[in-house]
Amino acid sequence: MGFRTMDDGEAAEFLAQPLVAVLTIDDPGWSPHVTPVWFHHLPGENRFQVMTPAKSKKARLHREGSGELSLSVQTADGPTAKYLNMQGVARLLPLSPDLLNAMVEKYLPEEFRAAYLADPPEDSMFDITPRRITTGVIG
């Protein structure tokens, strides 16, 4: 068993998969708020995007806090595990139609896309600029 980091190309390929990320944001007075999310990576711009309802707990904590959050994406296949952890600063913006379409295409089978697009539960998005990214391949 060994350990190595991913190069930029391998990380971009890893992030293009329809994997679920774990988003973590500070919740003062409690442990951090942790929630699974769909994500979109823009490798050429070194940014991540996450859809969210404006009334969600993560959006409220973002508005009340520093704007910093973390994402963790990981897979395990037998004895091999891959991960990418990102810590960054997010802006909460209105949901872009481009992001909505990219997420639906990435995560949903074609037969479910039209129904989701007709009434998406999200109306906002985090646009995240990483301050630190760590990667690893174990196994």
N, C-alpha and C. Protein backbone atom coordinates (compact mmCIF):
# COMPACT_ATOMS: atom_id res chain seq x y z
N MET A 1 0.85 -1.18 0.00
CA MET A 1 0.00 0.00 0.00
C MET A 1 0.89 1.23 0.00
N GLY A 2 0.56 2.16 -0.89
CA GLY A 2 1.33 3.39 -0.97
C GLY A 2 0.42 4.60 -0.93
N PHE A 3 1.05 5.75 -0.98
CA PHE A 3 0.33 7.01 -1.00
C PHE A 3 0.98 7.93 -2.02
N ARG A 4 0.14 8.65 -2.77
CA ARG A 4 0.63 9.68 -3.68
C ARG A 4 -0.45 10.74 -3.82
N THR A 5 -0.08 11.90 -4.32
CA THR A 5 -1.05 12.94 -4.60
C THR A 5 -1.48 12.85 -6.06
N MET A 6 -2.59 13.48 -6.39
CA MET A 6 -3.06 13.52 -7.78
C MET A 6 -2.47 14.74 -8.47
N ASP A 7 -2.11 14.59 -9.75
CA ASP A 7 -1.72 15.76 -10.52
C ASP A 7 -2.99 16.48 -10.97
N ASP A 8 -2.84 17.66 -11.59
CA ASP A 8 -4.00 18.47 -11.95
C ASP A 8 -4.95 17.75 -12.89
N GLY A 9 -4.41 17.04 -13.87
CA GLY A 9 -5.25 16.31 -14.83
C GLY A 9 -6.03 15.19 -14.17
N GLU A 10 -5.38 14.44 -13.30
CA GLU A 10 -6.06 13.36 -12.60
C GLU A 10 -7.13 13.91 -11.65
N ALA A 11 -6.83 15.03 -10.99
CA ALA A 11 -7.81 15.64 -10.10
C ALA A 11 -9.03 16.12 -10.89
N ALA A 12 -8.81 16.74 -12.04
CA ALA A 12 -9.93 17.22 -12.87
C ALA A 12 -10.78 16.05 -13.35
N GLU A 13 -10.15 14.96 -13.74
CA GLU A 13 -10.89 13.76 -14.17
C GLU A 13 -11.69 13.17 -13.01
N PHE A 14 -11.09 13.12 -11.84
CA PHE A 14 -11.76 12.63 -10.64
C PHE A 14 -13.00 13.49 -10.33
N LEU A 15 -12.85 14.81 -10.40
CA LEU A 15 -13.94 15.72 -10.05
C LEU A 15 -15.04 15.78 -11.11
N ALA A 16 -14.76 15.31 -12.31
CA ALA A 16 -15.77 15.30 -13.38
C ALA A 16 -16.78 14.17 -13.19
N GLN A 17 -16.46 13.21 -12.33
CA GLN A 17 -17.36 12.09 -12.07
C GLN A 17 -18.56 12.56 -11.24
N PRO A 18 -19.70 11.88 -11.35
CA PRO A 18 -20.87 12.27 -10.56
C PRO A 18 -20.77 11.78 -9.11
N LEU A 19 -19.81 12.33 -8.40
CA LEU A 19 -19.59 11.97 -7.01
C LEU A 19 -20.29 12.97 -6.11
N VAL A 20 -20.66 12.54 -4.93
CA VAL A 20 -21.27 13.42 -3.95
C VAL A 20 -20.15 13.94 -3.05
N ALA A 21 -20.14 15.25 -2.85
CA ALA A 21 -19.17 15.87 -1.96
C ALA A 21 -19.80 16.06 -0.59
N VAL A 22 -18.97 16.26 0.40
CA VAL A 22 -19.43 16.61 1.73
C VAL A 22 -19.01 18.06 1.97
N LEU A 23 -19.99 18.93 2.20
CA LEU A 23 -19.74 20.33 2.47
C LEU A 23 -19.77 20.55 3.97
N THR A 24 -18.80 21.31 4.46
CA THR A 24 -18.72 21.60 5.89
C THR A 24 -18.61 23.11 6.06
N ILE A 25 -19.42 23.65 6.96
CA ILE A 25 -19.40 25.09 7.24
C ILE A 25 -19.54 25.29 8.74
N ASP A 26 -18.89 26.31 9.26
CA ASP A 26 -18.90 26.58 10.69
C ASP A 26 -20.32 26.86 11.18
N ASP A 27 -20.65 26.27 12.32
CA ASP A 27 -21.93 26.50 12.99
C ASP A 27 -21.59 26.93 14.42
N PRO A 28 -21.44 28.24 14.64
CA PRO A 28 -20.98 28.73 15.95
C PRO A 28 -21.80 28.15 17.11
N GLY A 29 -21.08 27.73 18.13
CA GLY A 29 -21.73 27.15 19.30
C GLY A 29 -22.00 25.66 19.18
N TRP A 30 -21.77 25.11 17.99
CA TRP A 30 -21.97 23.69 17.73
C TRP A 30 -20.77 23.16 16.98
N SER A 31 -20.80 21.88 16.70
CA SER A 31 -19.79 21.34 15.79
C SER A 31 -20.14 21.83 14.38
N PRO A 32 -19.21 21.75 13.44
CA PRO A 32 -19.50 22.24 12.08
C PRO A 32 -20.71 21.53 11.46
N HIS A 33 -21.44 22.27 10.63
CA HIS A 33 -22.57 21.72 9.87
C HIS A 33 -22.00 20.96 8.68
N VAL A 34 -22.39 19.71 8.52
CA VAL A 34 -21.88 18.83 7.47
C VAL A 34 -23.07 18.31 6.68
N THR A 35 -22.99 18.42 5.33
CA THR A 35 -24.10 17.97 4.50
C THR A 35 -23.59 17.48 3.14
N PRO A 36 -24.22 16.44 2.59
CA PRO A 36 -23.83 15.98 1.25
C PRO A 36 -24.37 16.94 0.19
N VAL A 37 -23.58 17.15 -0.86
CA VAL A 37 -23.98 18.07 -1.94
C VAL A 37 -23.48 17.57 -3.29
N TRP A 38 -24.20 17.96 -4.33
CA TRP A 38 -23.69 17.85 -5.68
C TRP A 38 -22.76 19.04 -5.90
N PHE A 39 -21.75 18.87 -6.73
CA PHE A 39 -20.81 19.96 -6.97
C PHE A 39 -20.42 20.00 -8.44
N HIS A 40 -19.94 21.14 -8.85
CA HIS A 40 -19.42 21.34 -10.20
C HIS A 40 -18.05 21.97 -10.06
N HIS A 41 -17.08 21.42 -10.79
CA HIS A 41 -15.71 21.94 -10.74
C HIS A 41 -15.40 22.62 -12.06
N LEU A 42 -14.84 23.80 -12.00
CA LEU A 42 -14.40 24.55 -13.17
C LEU A 42 -12.88 24.57 -13.14
N PRO A 43 -12.22 23.55 -13.72
CA PRO A 43 -10.77 23.43 -13.56
C PRO A 43 -9.98 24.60 -14.15
N GLY A 44 -10.42 25.14 -15.28
CA GLY A 44 -9.70 26.24 -15.90
C GLY A 44 -9.74 27.51 -15.07
N GLU A 45 -10.76 27.65 -14.24
CA GLU A 45 -10.93 28.84 -13.40
C GLU A 45 -10.59 28.55 -11.94
N ASN A 46 -10.27 27.29 -11.63
CA ASN A 46 -9.98 26.86 -10.27
C ASN A 46 -11.08 27.29 -9.30
N ARG A 47 -12.32 26.90 -9.65
CA ARG A 47 -13.47 27.21 -8.80
C ARG A 47 -14.37 25.99 -8.68
N PHE A 48 -15.13 25.97 -7.60
CA PHE A 48 -16.13 24.94 -7.36
C PHE A 48 -17.47 25.65 -7.21
N GLN A 49 -18.55 24.96 -7.60
CA GLN A 49 -19.88 25.51 -7.44
C GLN A 49 -20.79 24.44 -6.84
N VAL A 50 -21.68 24.90 -5.95
CA VAL A 50 -22.62 24.02 -5.26
C VAL A 50 -23.98 24.71 -5.26
N MET A 51 -25.03 24.00 -5.66
CA MET A 51 -26.38 24.55 -5.62
C MET A 51 -26.95 24.41 -4.21
N THR A 52 -27.84 25.35 -3.84
CA THR A 52 -28.48 25.30 -2.53
C THR A 52 -29.75 26.14 -2.53
N PRO A 53 -30.74 25.77 -1.75
CA PRO A 53 -31.86 26.68 -1.54
C PRO A 53 -31.39 27.87 -0.70
N ALA A 54 -31.85 29.07 -1.01
CA ALA A 54 -31.46 30.26 -0.24
C ALA A 54 -31.86 30.16 1.22
N LYS A 55 -32.90 29.37 1.52
CA LYS A 55 -33.39 29.23 2.90
C LYS A 55 -32.75 28.06 3.64
N SER A 56 -31.76 27.40 3.03
CA SER A 56 -31.13 26.24 3.67
C SER A 56 -30.26 26.68 4.85
N LYS A 57 -30.00 25.72 5.73
CA LYS A 57 -29.14 25.99 6.87
C LYS A 57 -27.75 26.39 6.41
N LYS A 58 -27.22 25.73 5.38
CA LYS A 58 -25.87 26.07 4.92
C LYS A 58 -25.80 27.49 4.37
N ALA A 59 -26.87 27.94 3.68
CA ALA A 59 -26.89 29.31 3.17
C ALA A 59 -26.98 30.31 4.33
N ARG A 60 -27.81 30.00 5.32
CA ARG A 60 -27.93 30.89 6.49
C ARG A 60 -26.61 31.00 7.23
N LEU A 61 -25.95 29.86 7.47
CA LEU A 61 -24.66 29.88 8.17
C LEU A 61 -23.61 30.66 7.36
N HIS A 62 -23.67 30.54 6.05
CA HIS A 62 -22.73 31.30 5.20
C HIS A 62 -22.97 32.80 5.36
N ARG A 63 -24.24 33.22 5.31
CA ARG A 63 -24.56 34.65 5.43
C ARG A 63 -24.13 35.20 6.80
N GLU A 64 -24.24 34.37 7.83
CA GLU A 64 -23.93 34.82 9.19
C GLU A 64 -22.45 34.68 9.54
N GLY A 65 -21.71 33.94 8.75
CA GLY A 65 -20.32 33.62 9.11
C GLY A 65 -19.29 34.30 8.24
N SER A 66 -18.15 33.66 8.15
CA SER A 66 -16.99 34.22 7.46
C SER A 66 -17.01 34.00 5.95
N GLY A 67 -17.89 33.12 5.48
CA GLY A 67 -17.90 32.78 4.05
C GLY A 67 -16.98 31.63 3.72
N GLU A 68 -16.26 31.12 4.71
CA GLU A 68 -15.36 30.01 4.47
C GLU A 68 -16.09 28.69 4.65
N LEU A 69 -15.73 27.72 3.82
CA LEU A 69 -16.29 26.38 3.93
C LEU A 69 -15.31 25.38 3.34
N SER A 70 -15.63 24.12 3.49
CA SER A 70 -14.78 23.04 2.99
C SER A 70 -15.63 22.05 2.22
N LEU A 71 -15.01 21.42 1.22
CA LEU A 71 -15.62 20.31 0.49
C LEU A 71 -14.67 19.14 0.56
N SER A 72 -15.22 17.94 0.68
CA SER A 72 -14.43 16.72 0.62
C SER A 72 -15.12 15.76 -0.35
N VAL A 73 -14.34 15.27 -1.31
CA VAL A 73 -14.83 14.31 -2.29
C VAL A 73 -13.95 13.08 -2.16
N GLN A 74 -14.58 11.90 -2.08
CA GLN A 74 -13.78 10.69 -1.87
C GLN A 74 -14.44 9.48 -2.51
N THR A 75 -13.61 8.52 -2.87
CA THR A 75 -14.08 7.24 -3.36
C THR A 75 -13.23 6.15 -2.74
N ALA A 76 -13.79 4.95 -2.72
CA ALA A 76 -13.04 3.78 -2.29
C ALA A 76 -13.42 2.63 -3.20
N ASP A 77 -12.43 1.95 -3.70
CA ASP A 77 -12.64 0.79 -4.56
C ASP A 77 -11.69 -0.30 -4.08
N GLY A 78 -12.23 -1.20 -3.27
CA GLY A 78 -11.38 -2.23 -2.66
C GLY A 78 -10.33 -1.56 -1.79
N PRO A 79 -9.05 -1.91 -1.98
CA PRO A 79 -8.01 -1.34 -1.13
C PRO A 79 -7.54 0.05 -1.58
N THR A 80 -8.12 0.60 -2.66
CA THR A 80 -7.69 1.89 -3.17
C THR A 80 -8.71 2.97 -2.83
N ALA A 81 -8.23 4.06 -2.30
CA ALA A 81 -9.09 5.21 -1.98
C ALA A 81 -8.49 6.45 -2.61
N LYS A 82 -9.38 7.34 -3.09
CA LYS A 82 -8.96 8.63 -3.64
C LYS A 82 -9.74 9.71 -2.91
N TYR A 83 -9.10 10.86 -2.71
CA TYR A 83 -9.82 11.98 -2.11
C TYR A 83 -9.26 13.30 -2.60
N LEU A 84 -10.12 14.30 -2.52
CA LEU A 84 -9.73 15.69 -2.74
C LEU A 84 -10.46 16.50 -1.69
N ASN A 85 -9.70 17.24 -0.90
CA ASN A 85 -10.26 18.13 0.11
C ASN A 85 -9.95 19.56 -0.29
N MET A 86 -10.95 20.43 -0.17
CA MET A 86 -10.79 21.81 -0.57
C MET A 86 -11.31 22.71 0.54
N GLN A 87 -10.52 23.70 0.88
CA GLN A 87 -10.96 24.74 1.81
C GLN A 87 -10.95 26.04 1.04
N GLY A 88 -12.05 26.80 1.15
CA GLY A 88 -12.11 28.01 0.35
C GLY A 88 -13.09 29.03 0.89
N VAL A 89 -13.22 30.09 0.11
CA VAL A 89 -14.12 31.19 0.43
C VAL A 89 -15.22 31.20 -0.62
N ALA A 90 -16.47 31.27 -0.16
CA ALA A 90 -17.61 31.19 -1.06
C ALA A 90 -18.39 32.50 -1.12
N ARG A 91 -18.95 32.73 -2.29
CA ARG A 91 -19.94 33.79 -2.46
C ARG A 91 -21.28 33.10 -2.69
N LEU A 92 -22.34 33.59 -2.07
CA LEU A 92 -23.68 33.07 -2.27
C LEU A 92 -24.35 33.93 -3.33
N LEU A 93 -24.72 33.31 -4.45
CA LEU A 93 -25.25 34.03 -5.61
C LEU A 93 -26.57 33.41 -6.05
N PRO A 94 -27.36 34.13 -6.87
CA PRO A 94 -28.52 33.49 -7.49
C PRO A 94 -28.05 32.32 -8.36
N LEU A 95 -28.85 31.28 -8.42
CA LEU A 95 -28.50 30.09 -9.20
C LEU A 95 -28.39 30.44 -10.68
N SER A 96 -27.28 30.08 -11.28
CA SER A 96 -27.10 30.31 -12.71
C SER A 96 -27.72 29.16 -13.50
N PRO A 97 -28.44 29.47 -14.59
CA PRO A 97 -29.00 28.40 -15.43
C PRO A 97 -27.92 27.46 -15.97
N ASP A 98 -26.73 27.99 -16.25
CA ASP A 98 -25.64 27.15 -16.74
C ASP A 98 -25.24 26.10 -15.70
N LEU A 99 -25.16 26.52 -14.43
CA LEU A 99 -24.81 25.56 -13.38
C LEU A 99 -25.93 24.54 -13.21
N LEU A 100 -27.16 24.98 -13.18
CA LEU A 100 -28.28 24.05 -13.03
C LEU A 100 -28.25 22.99 -14.12
N ASN A 101 -28.07 23.40 -15.36
CA ASN A 101 -28.02 22.45 -16.47
C ASN A 101 -26.81 21.51 -16.37
N ALA A 102 -25.66 22.04 -15.98
CA ALA A 102 -24.47 21.20 -15.83
C ALA A 102 -24.66 20.16 -14.74
N MET A 103 -25.27 20.54 -13.63
CA MET A 103 -25.48 19.60 -12.52
C MET A 103 -26.48 18.52 -12.90
N VAL A 104 -27.57 18.92 -13.55
CA VAL A 104 -28.59 17.94 -13.95
C VAL A 104 -27.98 16.94 -14.94
N GLU A 105 -27.17 17.44 -15.86
CA GLU A 105 -26.54 16.54 -16.83
C GLU A 105 -25.54 15.60 -16.15
N LYS A 106 -24.82 16.10 -15.16
CA LYS A 106 -23.81 15.30 -14.47
C LYS A 106 -24.43 14.23 -13.56
N TYR A 107 -25.53 14.59 -12.87
CA TYR A 107 -26.02 13.73 -11.80
C TYR A 107 -27.29 12.93 -12.10
N LEU A 108 -28.09 13.35 -13.05
CA LEU A 108 -29.37 12.68 -13.25
C LEU A 108 -29.44 11.93 -14.57
N PRO A 109 -30.07 10.76 -14.57
CA PRO A 109 -30.34 10.07 -15.84
C PRO A 109 -31.24 10.94 -16.70
N GLU A 110 -31.11 10.79 -17.99
CA GLU A 110 -31.83 11.65 -18.93
C GLU A 110 -33.34 11.69 -18.68
N GLU A 111 -33.92 10.56 -18.31
CA GLU A 111 -35.38 10.52 -18.14
C GLU A 111 -35.88 11.34 -16.95
N PHE A 112 -35.00 11.77 -16.04
CA PHE A 112 -35.41 12.57 -14.88
C PHE A 112 -35.06 14.05 -15.02
N ARG A 113 -34.33 14.42 -16.03
CA ARG A 113 -33.82 15.78 -16.14
C ARG A 113 -34.90 16.83 -16.35
N ALA A 114 -35.83 16.59 -17.25
CA ALA A 114 -36.86 17.59 -17.55
C ALA A 114 -37.69 17.92 -16.32
N ALA A 115 -38.09 16.92 -15.56
CA ALA A 115 -38.89 17.15 -14.36
C ALA A 115 -38.11 17.97 -13.33
N TYR A 116 -36.84 17.67 -13.16
CA TYR A 116 -36.02 18.42 -12.20
C TYR A 116 -35.87 19.87 -12.65
N LEU A 117 -35.60 20.06 -13.94
CA LEU A 117 -35.43 21.41 -14.47
C LEU A 117 -36.71 22.23 -14.40
N ALA A 118 -37.86 21.57 -14.46
CA ALA A 118 -39.14 22.27 -14.40
C ALA A 118 -39.41 22.89 -13.03
N ASP A 119 -38.86 22.29 -11.96
CA ASP A 119 -39.10 22.79 -10.61
C ASP A 119 -37.92 22.45 -9.70
N PRO A 120 -36.76 23.07 -9.95
CA PRO A 120 -35.60 22.74 -9.12
C PRO A 120 -35.77 23.24 -7.68
N PRO A 121 -35.33 22.45 -6.70
CA PRO A 121 -35.46 22.88 -5.31
C PRO A 121 -34.45 23.96 -4.93
N GLU A 122 -33.44 24.17 -5.76
CA GLU A 122 -32.41 25.15 -5.47
C GLU A 122 -32.70 26.46 -6.20
N ASP A 123 -32.36 27.58 -5.56
CA ASP A 123 -32.50 28.88 -6.20
C ASP A 123 -31.24 29.73 -6.04
N SER A 124 -30.24 29.15 -5.39
CA SER A 124 -28.99 29.86 -5.12
C SER A 124 -27.81 28.93 -5.34
N MET A 125 -26.62 29.50 -5.30
CA MET A 125 -25.42 28.69 -5.48
C MET A 125 -24.26 29.31 -4.71
N PHE A 126 -23.38 28.44 -4.26
CA PHE A 126 -22.10 28.88 -3.73
C PHE A 126 -21.10 28.85 -4.88
N ASP A 127 -20.40 29.93 -5.06
CA ASP A 127 -19.29 29.99 -6.01
C ASP A 127 -18.04 30.08 -5.13
N ILE A 128 -17.23 29.01 -5.16
CA ILE A 128 -16.17 28.83 -4.17
C ILE A 128 -14.80 28.95 -4.81
N THR A 129 -13.97 29.81 -4.26
CA THR A 129 -12.58 29.95 -4.67
C THR A 129 -11.72 29.22 -3.65
N PRO A 130 -11.02 28.17 -4.07
CA PRO A 130 -10.20 27.42 -3.12
C PRO A 130 -9.02 28.25 -2.59
N ARG A 131 -8.76 28.09 -1.32
CA ARG A 131 -7.54 28.63 -0.71
C ARG A 131 -6.51 27.52 -0.53
N ARG A 132 -7.02 26.31 -0.43
CA ARG A 132 -6.13 25.16 -0.25
C ARG A 132 -6.82 23.92 -0.78
N ILE A 133 -6.08 23.11 -1.52
CA ILE A 133 -6.57 21.82 -2.03
C ILE A 133 -5.53 20.77 -1.69
N THR A 134 -5.99 19.67 -1.11
CA THR A 134 -5.11 18.53 -0.87
C THR A 134 -5.76 17.30 -1.53
N THR A 135 -4.91 16.46 -2.10
CA THR A 135 -5.39 15.25 -2.76
C THR A 135 -4.59 14.06 -2.29
N GLY A 136 -5.17 12.88 -2.49
CA GLY A 136 -4.45 11.68 -2.16
C GLY A 136 -5.02 10.47 -2.85
N VAL A 137 -4.14 9.54 -3.15
CA VAL A 137 -4.51 8.22 -3.65
C VAL A 137 -3.78 7.24 -2.73
N ILE A 138 -4.56 6.40 -2.08
CA ILE A 138 -4.02 5.44 -1.14
C ILE A 138 -4.28 4.05 -1.67
N GLY A 139 -3.25 3.24 -1.68
CA GLY A 139 -3.44 1.86 -2.13
C GLY A 139 -2.58 1.50 -3.31
